[in-house]
Amino acid sequence: MAVSNLLLPVLLLASALWHGQTRPADFVCDGDTRVKMNQVKELEAMVAECSSVNPLPSQIHLPRTRINVAAWKRKSVHEKRGEILLSLETLVQDVKAARKLVESGCGSSMLERLEHSAKNYLHIAEPGNVDSPSQNKQTQDIGQVLKYFGQLLKGRLEWLIGDLKDSCRREEQGFSS
């Protein structure tokens, strides 16, 4: 599947998820937009104020964050997207399960925001067939969960965006014609 075929659904979903002043191409083509969307620091600050959520009531699988650059470059965009989707889907499921076990209050609110944030990225990455193996690391430490979520966003997702950036240049050339 060509990168340009993947870009349109990503841009449409990004448009639906992001506020009206942001162009759809901004998620892929503008790093500042992605920085604004990343809520990990805000969630980490909430953890500091809300001790009831640490440790978590259940284990959460930590997303895969390491990248073997040579192996990554050999993968198709579809394979890369699939790995990111699997990490995000697992995180959403585990956070949702943990949230059900937390009493209402700051812990529940923080986990709800984490779940919502991960779902936003899931929608942007475009749902599809995922057949990559999941990582077996688990934790009940919300700090570790947020650390790995942030690393996923700054690592694998940014590498995927790098692959999609060429379509930004083609899009700009199309508008200037």
Foldseek 3Di string as FASTA:
>chain_A
DDLVVQLVQLLVLCCVVDDPVDHSCCCLAPPVVLVVLQCLVVLVVLCVVDVQQPQFPDKAAFQDQDDPPVVVVPDDLVQLLLSLLVRLVSRLVVLVVSLVVGDDDSNNVSSVVVNVSSVSVNSSSPDDDHDDDGDPDIGSGVVSNSVRVVSSSVGSVNVSSVVSNVVVVVVVVVVVD
